[in-house]
Protein backbone atom coordinates (compact mmCIF):
# COMPACT_ATOMS: atom_id res chain seq x y z
CA MET A 1 36.09 50.37 46.11
CA ALA A 2 32.90 51.93 47.25
CA TYR A 3 29.97 54.34 46.60
CA TRP A 4 27.87 56.37 49.06
CA PHE A 5 24.91 58.75 49.03
CA ASP A 6 25.80 62.39 48.77
CA PRO A 7 23.53 64.26 51.28
CA THR A 8 24.77 67.64 50.17
CA LYS A 9 22.79 67.41 46.86
CA THR A 10 19.04 67.81 46.80
CA PHE A 11 16.60 67.52 44.03
CA ASN A 12 13.06 68.69 43.56
CA ALA A 13 12.06 65.32 42.10
CA ARG A 14 11.23 62.52 44.47
CA GLY A 15 13.35 59.51 44.09
CA ARG A 16 16.35 61.23 42.57
CA LYS A 17 19.65 60.78 44.53
CA ALA A 18 23.16 61.88 44.11
CA PHE A 19 26.16 59.56 44.88
CA LEU A 20 29.82 59.68 45.17
CA ALA A 21 31.95 56.73 43.83
CA ASP A 22 35.56 55.93 44.18
CA GLU A 23 36.05 54.31 40.80
CA VAL A 24 34.12 53.92 37.45
CA SER A 25 33.80 50.27 38.19
CA ASP A 26 31.76 51.21 41.23
CA ILE A 27 28.94 52.37 39.14
CA ASP A 28 27.93 48.72 38.48
CA LEU A 29 27.13 48.58 42.24
CA LEU A 30 24.60 51.44 42.21
CA PRO A 31 20.95 51.01 42.36
CA ASN A 32 18.60 52.05 39.44
CA GLN A 33 15.01 52.05 38.83
CA SER A 34 14.47 48.33 38.66
CA HIS A 35 16.89 47.04 41.29
CA GLU A 36 18.56 47.97 44.57
CA GLY A 37 22.28 48.59 44.68
CA GLU A 38 24.83 46.52 46.59
CA ILE A 39 24.98 47.15 50.27
CA ILE A 40 28.10 48.96 51.12
CA ASP A 41 29.42 49.08 54.72
CA GLY A 42 26.03 48.16 55.95
CA ASN A 43 24.50 51.49 55.04
CA ASN A 44 21.07 50.48 53.50
CA VAL A 45 20.12 54.03 52.61
CA VAL A 46 22.25 54.14 49.55
CA ASN A 47 21.13 50.91 48.07
CA GLN A 48 17.46 51.79 47.63
CA LYS A 49 15.97 52.07 44.13
CA VAL A 50 16.30 55.60 42.68
CA SER A 51 14.63 57.51 39.75
CA SER A 52 16.07 58.50 36.37
CA GLY A 53 18.03 61.82 36.72
CA SER A 54 20.02 60.53 39.70
CA ILE A 55 23.70 61.28 39.48
CA VAL A 56 26.95 59.98 40.56
CA LYS A 57 30.44 61.67 40.64
CA VAL A 58 33.46 59.42 40.26
CA ILE A 59 36.12 60.77 42.63
CA SER A 60 39.24 59.06 40.75
CA THR A 61 38.30 60.73 37.40
CA GLY A 62 36.06 63.61 38.27
CA ASP A 63 33.45 62.38 35.68
CA ARG A 64 29.81 62.56 36.37
CA TYR A 65 27.17 60.04 35.18
CA MET A 66 23.37 60.35 35.17
CA LEU A 67 20.85 57.63 35.27
CA ASN A 68 18.74 57.47 32.24
CA SER A 69 15.14 56.24 31.82
CA THR A 70 16.25 52.67 30.79
CA GLY A 71 18.36 52.17 33.93
CA SER A 72 21.75 52.87 32.57
CA TRP A 73 24.26 55.20 34.06
CA VAL A 74 25.46 57.47 31.24
CA LYS A 75 28.61 59.68 31.24
CA LEU A 76 27.74 63.37 30.96
CA GLN A 77 29.91 65.40 28.60
C-alpha cells in the first residue's frame, strides 16, 4: 500500500498537488492543510502539507478524491 506525488498534473494555485494511491485506505496516509502525510519510501516531497483542491486518484477503484477546506478527502461524483 502506498501513495505518491503525480508530477504530470499541474495547478495554477500554489500548494495544490495531485497524488496517486494504490488503495482507498492509503488516503488516510496523505497530507492535508494541517498535517504532513506519512513518509513513503523515504520520499519527503509527497508528505508536505497541501492546499484544499488537491486531488488523489485511487488506482484500484479509479475513484478520485479532492481535499476540501476542512482537511477531508472527499470522493468526487
